[in-house]
Amino acid sequence: MGSYDLIVIGTGTAAQVAARRVRRAGRSVAVIDHRPFGGTCALRGCDPKKVLVSGAEGIDLARRMRSHGVTGDLRIEWKDLIAFKRTFTEPVPRRREEDFAKQGIDGFHGVARFTGPDRVAVNDHILQGRHILIASGARPAVLGFPGAGHLTTSDAFMELEHFPGRIVMVGGGYIAAEFSHIAARAGANVAVLQRSARMLPTFDAEVVGWLMDKFAEIGVDVRTGNAVTAIERTGDEYRVHKQTPHGEAVASADLVVHAAGRVPDIAALNLSAANVAVAGGRLKLNDFLQSVSNPIVYAAGDAAAKGPPLTPVSSHDAKVVADNILEGTRHKADYRGVPSVAFTLPPIAAVGLSESAARAQTPKLRMKSAKVPDWYTARRIAESVYGYKTLVDEDSGHIIGAHVVGPHADEVINLFALAIRHNLTAADLKSAMFIYPTGASDIGYML
């Protein structure tokens, strides 16, 4: 039996940060993963997805500028774009494994399974840990309707060798929004089937409404209030049965993508053997990211599901866990001012409170909101969708929420996040001298 100061289940962002931090302190560390080392962000999530978005961006800009001095037709050659994406992903597992080895971190390939409160089995090995970190990421939520096995995951979408002509997205969150924008620019006919009343429910409804104009503009058929009830395959075609506000209907597709959310990937860990409490498919953790029922077990990132499912949150969680292991359990996770973005074209981003939450919590709220496609930032690149909503506490002057859709929203939101996390005021941002013309130079007008 091998004994370690820290056993980490997973090799993604949270796992890497925690393992390195604890190892640098001279403690013994092991990592376990049943998939290639590297985790979701580097191999199956943010990084490869953004490469595909880059291809769509090139097409999108050229088409918008077609009547403004740019001529010629461009198209996405899907195989070449996927090949470019693989130049980012394929080197990762080997590099990650070599990096762990150089640091003296032992790597194990296989499915991790608890066999006791401080023991984890992987293949023929039993590892004992003074501390154990669950950083196993997330997986697509299980959908219970007949034929759900026909769904293609987002992972598989980014490995497609041949691009289909008709795609149905089941769900209306980040995956559906981002992948439908990629697919439409790649030439597919795309339909989004969303059970609830609107897409992207974690973003501001008014700002999402402005973005929906872009979905219509690029030909993505968004059907809200549509619940998928079954999927059947006939030859090379899928028939997606759905319940709509007008009764039952069927949509035909060459590919059906699971875009109905992800959940912590913890089902195979045999958590009961470790006395690790779970409720509703999530680990029960305290503010220190520590299991409430087994104090040597921690969780971070998507597996913890305490903060937003974002790579910077995974890194933050890992630092909190590592510091608690090394210094004693006294560090809490802090998710103030964590921005979120959906990489649609244009992107939509948010940080801080929603308008409804701000109104409930703030006696004197200043809300400023406008749709501004006529501003220079949008007009320069012929972008028809640009708008913002900012929320300021009148008493303190602090920015408490920001919601932006349009060019550079994914970058601009970081400045609002900085302001919220470090208690900067609206006056502080308005007095900053940003380079003009840039997306950031619009911030003063948004406040």
Protein backbone atom coordinates (compact mmCIF):
# COMPACT_ATOMS: atom_id res chain seq x y z
CA MET A 1 0.00 0.00 0.00
CA GLY A 2 1.29 3.45 -0.96
CA SER A 3 0.87 6.27 1.54
CA TYR A 4 0.67 9.95 0.58
CA ASP A 5 0.08 13.26 2.27
CA LEU A 6 -2.36 14.10 -0.53
CA ILE A 7 -4.21 11.94 -3.05
CA VAL A 8 -5.87 13.90 -5.85
CA ILE A 9 -8.63 12.35 -7.96
CA GLY A 10 -8.46 14.09 -11.33
CA THR A 11 -5.76 15.89 -13.34
CA GLY A 12 -7.55 19.05 -14.47
CA THR A 13 -6.96 22.62 -13.36
CA ALA A 14 -7.98 22.15 -9.72
CA ALA A 15 -5.97 18.93 -9.43
CA GLN A 16 -2.85 20.47 -10.95
CA VAL A 17 -2.88 23.60 -8.80
CA ALA A 18 -3.47 21.73 -5.53
CA ALA A 19 -1.00 18.94 -6.30
CA ARG A 20 1.80 21.36 -7.21
CA ARG A 21 1.16 23.64 -4.24
CA VAL A 22 1.23 20.78 -1.74
CA ARG A 23 4.23 19.10 -3.40
CA ARG A 24 6.23 22.35 -3.35
CA ALA A 25 5.74 22.34 0.41
CA GLY A 26 7.60 19.03 0.56
CA ARG A 27 4.58 16.78 0.97
CA SER A 28 4.05 13.52 -0.95
CA VAL A 29 1.35 13.65 -3.62
CA ALA A 30 -0.36 11.20 -5.99
CA VAL A 31 -2.83 11.97 -8.79
CA ILE A 32 -5.33 9.57 -10.37
CA ASP A 33 -7.27 9.86 -13.62
CA HIS A 34 -9.11 7.34 -15.78
CA ARG A 35 -8.91 9.66 -18.77
CA PRO A 36 -5.83 11.19 -20.42
CA PHE A 37 -4.08 13.54 -18.03
CA GLY A 38 -5.04 17.20 -18.46
CA GLY A 39 -8.67 17.60 -17.46
CA THR A 40 -11.69 19.14 -19.09
CA CYS A 41 -10.50 22.69 -19.80
CA ALA A 42 -7.35 21.75 -21.67
CA LEU A 43 -8.67 18.67 -23.46
CA ARG A 44 -12.46 18.78 -23.75
CA GLY A 45 -13.62 22.24 -22.71
CA CYS A 46 -12.51 25.87 -22.73
CA ASP A 47 -9.33 25.65 -24.78
CA PRO A 48 -10.46 23.46 -27.71
CA LYS A 49 -13.88 25.12 -27.78
CA LYS A 50 -12.32 28.57 -28.09
CA VAL A 51 -10.22 27.35 -31.03
CA LEU A 52 -13.44 26.36 -32.81
CA VAL A 53 -14.95 29.72 -31.87
CA SER A 54 -11.93 31.38 -33.49
CA GLY A 55 -12.77 29.73 -36.80
CA ALA A 56 -16.33 30.96 -36.53
CA GLU A 57 -15.11 34.45 -35.64
CA GLY A 58 -13.12 34.65 -38.86
CA ILE A 59 -16.15 33.73 -40.95
CA ASP A 60 -18.44 36.01 -38.96
CA LEU A 61 -16.28 39.13 -39.30
CA ALA A 62 -15.77 38.62 -43.03
CA ARG A 63 -19.51 38.23 -43.60
CA ARG A 64 -20.41 41.28 -41.54
CA MET A 65 -17.89 43.41 -43.44
CA ARG A 66 -18.91 42.11 -46.87
CA SER A 67 -20.66 45.32 -47.91
CA HIS A 68 -18.10 47.52 -46.19
CA GLY A 69 -15.02 46.94 -48.31
CA VAL A 70 -14.43 43.21 -47.78
CA THR A 71 -15.20 40.89 -50.70
CA GLY A 72 -15.09 37.18 -51.40
CA ASP A 73 -16.68 34.16 -49.77
CA LEU A 74 -15.08 32.24 -46.94
CA ARG A 75 -16.13 28.95 -45.39
CA ILE A 76 -15.00 26.68 -42.60
CA GLU A 77 -13.18 23.54 -43.65
CA TRP A 78 -14.17 21.51 -40.61
CA LYS A 79 -11.45 18.86 -40.86
CA ASP A 80 -8.76 21.52 -41.00
CA LEU A 81 -10.24 23.40 -38.06
CA ILE A 82 -10.38 20.19 -36.00
CA ALA A 83 -6.79 19.43 -37.01
CA PHE A 84 -5.75 22.89 -35.77
CA LYS A 85 -7.64 22.29 -32.54
CA ARG A 86 -5.74 19.04 -32.00
CA THR A 87 -2.42 20.87 -32.11
CA PHE A 88 -3.52 22.35 -28.79
CA THR A 89 -5.01 19.23 -27.19
CA GLU A 90 -2.88 16.30 -28.33
CA PRO A 91 0.39 17.36 -26.61
CA VAL A 92 -1.33 17.99 -23.26
CA PRO A 93 -1.51 14.49 -21.70
CA ARG A 94 2.17 13.71 -22.26
CA ARG A 95 3.29 17.13 -21.07
CA ARG A 96 1.08 16.93 -18.00
CA GLU A 97 2.38 13.50 -17.10
CA GLU A 98 5.98 14.60 -17.57
CA ASP A 99 5.34 17.70 -15.49
CA PHE A 100 3.94 15.66 -12.60
CA ALA A 101 6.91 13.28 -12.77
CA LYS A 102 9.45 16.14 -12.74
CA GLN A 103 7.85 17.48 -9.58
CA GLY A 104 7.89 14.10 -7.88
CA ILE A 105 4.13 13.64 -8.07
CA ASP A 106 3.14 10.01 -8.67
CA GLY A 107 0.60 9.49 -11.45
CA PHE A 108 -1.87 6.61 -11.64
CA HIS A 109 -4.07 5.76 -14.63
CA GLY A 110 -7.41 4.14 -13.85
CA VAL A 111 -10.75 4.56 -12.14
CA ALA A 112 -10.48 5.78 -8.54
CA ARG A 113 -12.73 4.16 -5.97
CA PHE A 114 -12.82 4.69 -2.22
CA THR A 115 -12.39 1.56 -0.12
CA GLY A 116 -12.31 3.34 3.23
CA PRO A 117 -12.30 6.80 4.81
CA ASP A 118 -8.66 7.37 3.84
CA ARG A 119 -8.10 4.76 1.13
CA VAL A 120 -8.51 4.83 -2.62
CA ALA A 121 -8.16 1.90 -4.99
CA VAL A 122 -6.94 2.30 -8.55
CA ASN A 123 -6.38 -0.86 -10.60
CA ASP A 124 -4.30 -3.15 -8.34
CA HIS A 125 -3.06 -0.34 -6.10
CA ILE A 126 -4.44 0.73 -2.76
CA LEU A 127 -3.41 4.27 -1.80
CA GLN A 128 -3.74 5.70 1.68
CA GLY A 129 -3.95 9.46 2.12
CA ARG A 130 -3.68 11.88 5.00
CA HIS A 131 -5.84 14.10 2.81
CA ILE A 132 -7.82 13.36 -0.33
CA LEU A 133 -8.99 15.90 -2.91
CA ILE A 134 -11.88 15.11 -5.24
CA ALA A 135 -11.24 17.12 -8.40
CA SER A 136 -12.89 14.77 -10.86
CA GLY A 137 -14.74 17.45 -12.82
CA ALA A 138 -18.23 17.18 -14.25
CA ARG A 139 -20.08 14.99 -16.73
CA PRO A 140 -23.26 15.44 -18.81
CA ALA A 141 -26.39 15.12 -16.69
CA VAL A 142 -28.29 11.86 -17.16
CA LEU A 143 -31.42 12.41 -19.23
CA GLY A 144 -34.14 9.88 -18.62
CA PHE A 145 -36.15 9.86 -21.83
CA PRO A 146 -36.07 6.89 -24.26
CA GLY A 147 -33.23 7.07 -26.76
CA ALA A 148 -31.06 9.42 -24.68
CA GLY A 149 -28.14 7.18 -25.60
CA HIS A 150 -28.26 8.66 -29.11
CA LEU A 151 -27.14 12.04 -27.78
CA THR A 152 -23.67 13.26 -28.73
CA THR A 153 -21.73 14.95 -25.94
CA SER A 154 -19.88 18.23 -26.29
CA ASP A 155 -16.65 16.22 -26.04
CA ALA A 156 -17.59 14.18 -29.09
CA PHE A 157 -18.79 17.25 -30.98
CA MET A 158 -15.27 18.65 -30.83
CA GLU A 159 -13.90 15.46 -32.36
CA LEU A 160 -16.29 15.19 -35.31
CA GLU A 161 -14.49 14.18 -38.48
CA HIS A 162 -17.43 15.04 -40.74
CA PHE A 163 -19.71 17.98 -40.06
CA PRO A 164 -23.45 17.21 -40.23
CA GLY A 165 -25.98 19.29 -42.11
CA ARG A 166 -28.75 19.30 -39.48
CA ILE A 167 -28.10 19.58 -35.75
CA VAL A 168 -30.49 19.63 -32.82
CA MET A 169 -29.28 20.92 -29.45
CA VAL A 170 -31.15 19.49 -26.47
CA GLY A 171 -30.97 22.19 -23.80
CA GLY A 172 -30.44 25.92 -23.81
CA GLY A 173 -27.43 26.78 -21.65
CA TYR A 174 -23.79 27.52 -22.38
CA ILE A 175 -23.16 24.47 -24.58
CA ALA A 176 -26.23 25.02 -26.74
CA ALA A 177 -25.53 28.73 -27.16
CA GLU A 178 -21.84 28.41 -27.97
CA PHE A 179 -21.99 25.30 -30.14
CA SER A 180 -25.01 26.50 -32.11
CA HIS A 181 -23.09 29.66 -33.03
CA ILE A 182 -20.10 27.60 -34.14
CA ALA A 183 -22.27 25.14 -36.08
CA ALA A 184 -24.29 27.83 -37.84
CA ARG A 185 -21.13 29.56 -39.06
CA ALA A 186 -19.85 26.16 -40.23
CA GLY A 187 -22.93 25.81 -42.44
CA ALA A 188 -25.28 23.59 -40.43
CA ASN A 189 -28.99 24.07 -39.94
CA VAL A 190 -29.31 24.29 -36.17
CA ALA A 191 -32.30 23.98 -33.88
CA VAL A 192 -32.21 24.51 -30.10
CA LEU A 193 -34.86 22.78 -27.99
CA GLN A 194 -35.06 24.41 -24.58
CA ARG A 195 -37.51 23.18 -21.94
CA SER A 196 -37.74 26.50 -20.09
CA ALA A 197 -39.01 29.86 -21.28
CA ARG A 198 -35.67 31.24 -22.48
CA MET A 199 -32.08 30.39 -23.24
CA LEU A 200 -29.10 31.14 -20.97
CA PRO A 201 -31.15 31.40 -17.76
CA THR A 202 -28.12 32.38 -15.65
CA PHE A 203 -27.72 35.62 -17.61
CA ASP A 204 -29.85 38.77 -17.48
CA ALA A 205 -33.11 38.22 -19.36
CA GLU A 206 -33.08 41.60 -21.13
CA VAL A 207 -29.48 41.21 -22.29
CA VAL A 208 -30.16 37.65 -23.44
CA GLY A 209 -33.11 39.03 -25.39
CA TRP A 210 -30.76 41.29 -27.35
CA LEU A 211 -28.52 38.31 -28.11
CA MET A 212 -31.49 36.32 -29.39
CA ASP A 213 -31.62 38.71 -32.34
CA LYS A 214 -28.26 37.27 -33.38
CA PHE A 215 -29.56 33.70 -33.16
CA ALA A 216 -32.31 34.67 -35.59
CA GLU A 217 -29.89 36.56 -37.81
CA ILE A 218 -27.61 33.53 -38.28
CA GLY A 219 -30.54 31.16 -38.77
CA VAL A 220 -30.50 29.23 -35.47
CA ASP A 221 -34.06 28.05 -34.77
CA VAL A 222 -34.59 28.45 -31.02
CA ARG A 223 -37.68 26.71 -29.65
CA THR A 224 -38.38 27.46 -26.00
CA GLY A 225 -40.98 25.54 -24.03
CA ASN A 226 -39.94 22.42 -25.94
CA ALA A 227 -39.28 19.32 -23.82
CA VAL A 228 -37.66 16.35 -25.56
CA THR A 229 -39.53 13.14 -24.78
CA ALA A 230 -37.68 10.59 -26.93
CA ILE A 231 -35.06 10.15 -29.65
CA GLU A 232 -35.16 7.38 -32.22
CA ARG A 233 -32.79 6.56 -35.03
CA THR A 234 -33.90 5.55 -38.49
CA GLY A 235 -30.94 4.81 -40.73
CA ASP A 236 -28.67 7.85 -40.59
CA GLU A 237 -31.42 10.14 -39.35
CA TYR A 238 -32.52 10.94 -35.82
CA ARG A 239 -36.12 11.79 -34.97
CA VAL A 240 -36.42 13.94 -31.88
CA HIS A 241 -39.84 13.72 -30.28
CA LYS A 242 -40.83 16.74 -28.22
CA GLN A 243 -43.68 18.25 -26.29
CA THR A 244 -44.30 21.84 -27.36
CA PRO A 245 -46.76 24.52 -26.22
CA HIS A 246 -48.88 23.46 -29.19
CA GLY A 247 -48.71 19.70 -28.64
CA GLU A 248 -46.42 16.88 -29.70
CA ALA A 249 -44.01 17.34 -32.60
CA VAL A 250 -40.95 15.73 -34.19
CA ALA A 251 -37.68 17.30 -35.36
CA SER A 252 -35.31 15.51 -37.73
CA ALA A 253 -31.53 15.74 -37.45
CA ASP A 254 -28.23 14.21 -38.51
CA LEU A 255 -26.78 14.87 -35.03
CA VAL A 256 -28.39 15.47 -31.64
CA VAL A 257 -26.20 17.15 -29.03
CA HIS A 258 -26.55 16.90 -25.26
CA ALA A 259 -26.66 20.52 -24.09
CA ALA A 260 -28.81 20.04 -21.00
CA GLY A 261 -26.22 20.70 -18.33
CA ARG A 262 -23.45 18.94 -16.44
CA VAL A 263 -23.22 17.52 -12.92
CA PRO A 264 -20.31 16.59 -10.62
CA ASP A 265 -18.59 13.44 -11.85
CA ILE A 266 -18.64 11.58 -8.53
CA ALA A 267 -21.00 8.63 -9.07
CA ALA A 268 -18.24 6.02 -9.57
CA LEU A 269 -16.16 7.01 -6.53
CA ASN A 270 -17.97 4.74 -4.02
CA LEU A 271 -18.26 7.67 -1.64
CA SER A 272 -20.28 5.72 0.91
CA ALA A 273 -17.18 3.65 1.69
CA ALA A 274 -15.43 6.86 2.72
CA ASN A 275 -18.39 8.24 4.67
CA VAL A 276 -18.52 11.23 2.30
CA ALA A 277 -22.00 12.73 2.41
CA VAL A 278 -23.85 13.50 -0.81
CA ALA A 279 -27.17 15.28 -1.34
CA GLY A 280 -28.89 15.65 -4.69
CA GLY A 281 -25.87 14.38 -6.58
CA ARG A 282 -23.55 16.92 -4.96
CA LEU A 283 -20.95 16.61 -2.25
CA LYS A 284 -21.94 18.14 1.06
CA LEU A 285 -19.13 20.57 1.79
CA ASN A 286 -18.50 23.31 4.33
CA ASP A 287 -17.15 26.77 3.53
CA PHE A 288 -13.61 25.35 3.60
CA LEU A 289 -14.46 22.99 0.69
CA GLN A 290 -14.19 20.11 3.14
CA SER A 291 -16.56 17.16 3.40
CA VAL A 292 -18.95 17.73 6.31
CA SER A 293 -18.80 14.03 7.19
CA ASN A 294 -15.15 13.13 6.51
CA PRO A 295 -12.77 16.03 7.28
CA ILE A 296 -9.76 14.60 5.43
CA VAL A 297 -11.69 14.75 2.13
CA TYR A 298 -11.92 18.00 0.18
CA ALA A 299 -13.33 18.90 -3.23
CA ALA A 300 -12.54 21.60 -5.77
CA GLY A 301 -13.74 22.88 -9.12
CA ASP A 302 -16.67 21.35 -10.95
CA ALA A 303 -16.68 18.32 -8.65
CA ALA A 304 -17.23 20.62 -5.67
CA ALA A 305 -19.91 22.66 -7.48
CA LYS A 306 -19.69 25.40 -4.85
CA GLY A 307 -18.77 28.25 -7.19
CA PRO A 308 -19.53 28.90 -10.86
CA PRO A 309 -18.30 26.10 -13.19
CA LEU A 310 -15.32 28.07 -14.47
CA THR A 311 -11.62 27.32 -14.78
CA PRO A 312 -10.51 30.29 -12.62
CA VAL A 313 -12.88 29.03 -9.91
CA SER A 314 -11.23 25.61 -10.07
CA SER A 315 -7.83 27.25 -9.57
CA HIS A 316 -9.15 29.36 -6.69
CA ASP A 317 -10.75 26.32 -5.02
CA ALA A 318 -7.50 24.38 -5.32
CA LYS A 319 -5.51 27.14 -3.64
CA VAL A 320 -8.04 27.23 -0.79
CA VAL A 321 -7.83 23.46 -0.32
CA ALA A 322 -4.03 23.37 -0.51
CA ASP A 323 -3.71 26.19 2.01
CA ASN A 324 -6.13 24.45 4.37
CA ILE A 325 -4.09 21.25 4.13
CA LEU A 326 -0.80 23.06 4.70
CA GLU A 327 -1.83 25.72 7.20
CA GLY A 328 -4.85 24.31 8.99
CA THR A 329 -8.51 24.56 8.08
CA ARG A 330 -9.10 28.28 8.12
CA HIS A 331 -9.32 29.44 4.51
CA LYS A 332 -12.74 29.88 2.88
CA ALA A 333 -13.64 30.09 -0.77
CA ASP A 334 -14.44 33.61 -1.98
CA TYR A 335 -16.54 33.87 -5.13
CA ARG A 336 -17.09 37.64 -5.12
CA GLY A 337 -16.72 39.22 -8.51
CA VAL A 338 -16.37 36.03 -10.53
CA PRO A 339 -17.28 36.83 -14.15
CA SER A 340 -19.04 34.44 -16.47
CA VAL A 341 -19.21 34.39 -20.26
CA ALA A 342 -20.83 32.43 -23.05
CA PHE A 343 -18.64 32.54 -26.15
CA THR A 344 -21.41 33.19 -28.60
CA LEU A 345 -20.71 35.62 -31.45
CA PRO A 346 -20.84 38.22 -30.08
CA PRO A 347 -20.18 37.02 -26.51
CA ILE A 348 -22.46 37.64 -23.55
CA ALA A 349 -20.93 38.20 -20.12
CA ALA A 350 -21.97 38.96 -16.56
CA VAL A 351 -20.53 39.57 -13.12
CA GLY A 352 -22.03 40.35 -9.74
CA LEU A 353 -25.72 40.62 -8.93
CA SER A 354 -28.65 40.28 -11.28
CA GLU A 355 -31.02 43.23 -11.52
CA SER A 356 -33.67 41.48 -9.41
CA ALA A 357 -31.16 40.54 -6.69
CA ALA A 358 -29.71 44.05 -6.70
CA ARG A 359 -33.16 45.61 -6.29
CA ALA A 360 -33.91 43.29 -3.39
CA GLN A 361 -30.62 44.03 -1.60
CA THR A 362 -29.91 47.67 -2.42
CA PRO A 363 -32.10 50.50 -1.08
CA LYS A 364 -30.71 53.02 -3.56
CA LEU A 365 -29.90 51.31 -6.83
CA ARG A 366 -28.75 53.08 -9.98
CA MET A 367 -29.43 50.91 -13.00
CA LYS A 368 -28.30 51.97 -16.44
CA SER A 369 -29.21 49.90 -19.47
CA ALA A 370 -29.14 50.43 -23.22
CA LYS A 371 -28.90 48.61 -26.51
CA VAL A 372 -26.18 50.49 -28.42
CA PRO A 373 -25.34 48.95 -31.83
CA ASP A 374 -24.71 52.51 -33.06
CA TRP A 375 -21.70 52.97 -30.77
CA TYR A 376 -18.35 53.03 -32.57
CA THR A 377 -17.23 49.70 -31.04
CA ALA A 378 -20.07 47.86 -32.81
CA ARG A 379 -20.37 49.96 -35.97
CA ARG A 380 -16.66 49.59 -36.78
CA ILE A 381 -17.12 45.86 -37.32
CA ALA A 382 -20.74 46.00 -38.51
CA GLU A 383 -22.01 44.18 -35.41
CA SER A 384 -25.75 44.53 -34.93
CA VAL A 385 -25.83 43.36 -31.28
CA TYR A 386 -24.31 45.48 -28.51
CA GLY A 387 -25.79 46.40 -25.16
CA TYR A 388 -25.14 46.68 -21.45
CA LYS A 389 -26.75 46.88 -18.03
CA THR A 390 -24.85 48.18 -15.03
CA LEU A 391 -25.92 48.22 -11.38
CA VAL A 392 -24.45 50.65 -8.86
CA ASP A 393 -25.16 51.14 -5.16
CA GLU A 394 -25.92 54.87 -4.95
CA ASP A 395 -24.96 55.08 -1.26
CA SER A 396 -21.46 53.66 -1.65
CA GLY A 397 -20.86 54.18 -5.35
CA HIS A 398 -19.77 50.54 -5.64
CA ILE A 399 -20.50 48.59 -8.78
CA ILE A 400 -22.54 45.55 -7.76
CA GLY A 401 -23.41 44.04 -11.13
CA ALA A 402 -22.61 44.31 -14.84
CA HIS A 403 -24.12 42.56 -17.85
CA VAL A 404 -22.74 43.05 -21.36
CA VAL A 405 -23.36 41.56 -24.78
CA GLY A 406 -21.42 42.52 -27.86
CA PRO A 407 -17.88 42.98 -29.16
CA HIS A 408 -15.20 42.46 -26.49
CA ALA A 409 -17.77 41.69 -23.78
CA ASP A 410 -15.58 38.79 -22.67
CA GLU A 411 -12.70 41.20 -21.99
CA VAL A 412 -14.65 44.22 -20.72
CA ILE A 413 -16.39 42.12 -18.07
CA ASN A 414 -13.00 41.47 -16.45
CA LEU A 415 -12.68 45.14 -15.54
CA PHE A 416 -16.10 45.13 -13.93
CA ALA A 417 -15.08 41.95 -12.08
CA LEU A 418 -11.92 43.66 -10.83
CA ALA A 419 -14.01 46.56 -9.57
CA ILE A 420 -16.45 44.32 -7.72
CA ARG A 421 -13.82 42.08 -6.15
CA HIS A 422 -11.68 45.00 -4.97
CA ASN A 423 -14.47 47.41 -4.01
CA LEU A 424 -13.76 49.99 -6.69
CA THR A 425 -16.47 52.54 -7.32
CA ALA A 426 -18.14 53.63 -10.52
CA ALA A 427 -16.21 56.89 -10.18
CA ASP A 428 -12.94 54.93 -10.03
CA LEU A 429 -13.68 53.23 -13.35
CA LYS A 430 -14.98 56.39 -14.97
CA SER A 431 -11.77 58.21 -14.03
CA ALA A 432 -9.53 55.49 -15.50
CA MET A 433 -7.89 56.42 -18.79
CA PHE A 434 -8.35 53.45 -21.10
CA ILE A 435 -6.90 53.28 -24.59
CA TYR A 436 -9.32 54.64 -27.18
CA PRO A 437 -10.96 53.22 -29.19
CA THR A 438 -11.27 49.90 -27.40
CA GLY A 439 -14.05 48.00 -25.72
CA ALA A 440 -12.79 49.23 -22.34
CA SER A 441 -13.12 52.86 -23.42
CA ASP A 442 -16.89 52.34 -23.50
CA ILE A 443 -17.04 51.55 -19.79
CA GLY A 444 -17.33 55.16 -18.68
CA TYR A 445 -20.44 55.58 -20.84
CA MET A 446 -21.95 52.39 -19.41
CA LEU A 447 -21.81 53.87 -15.92
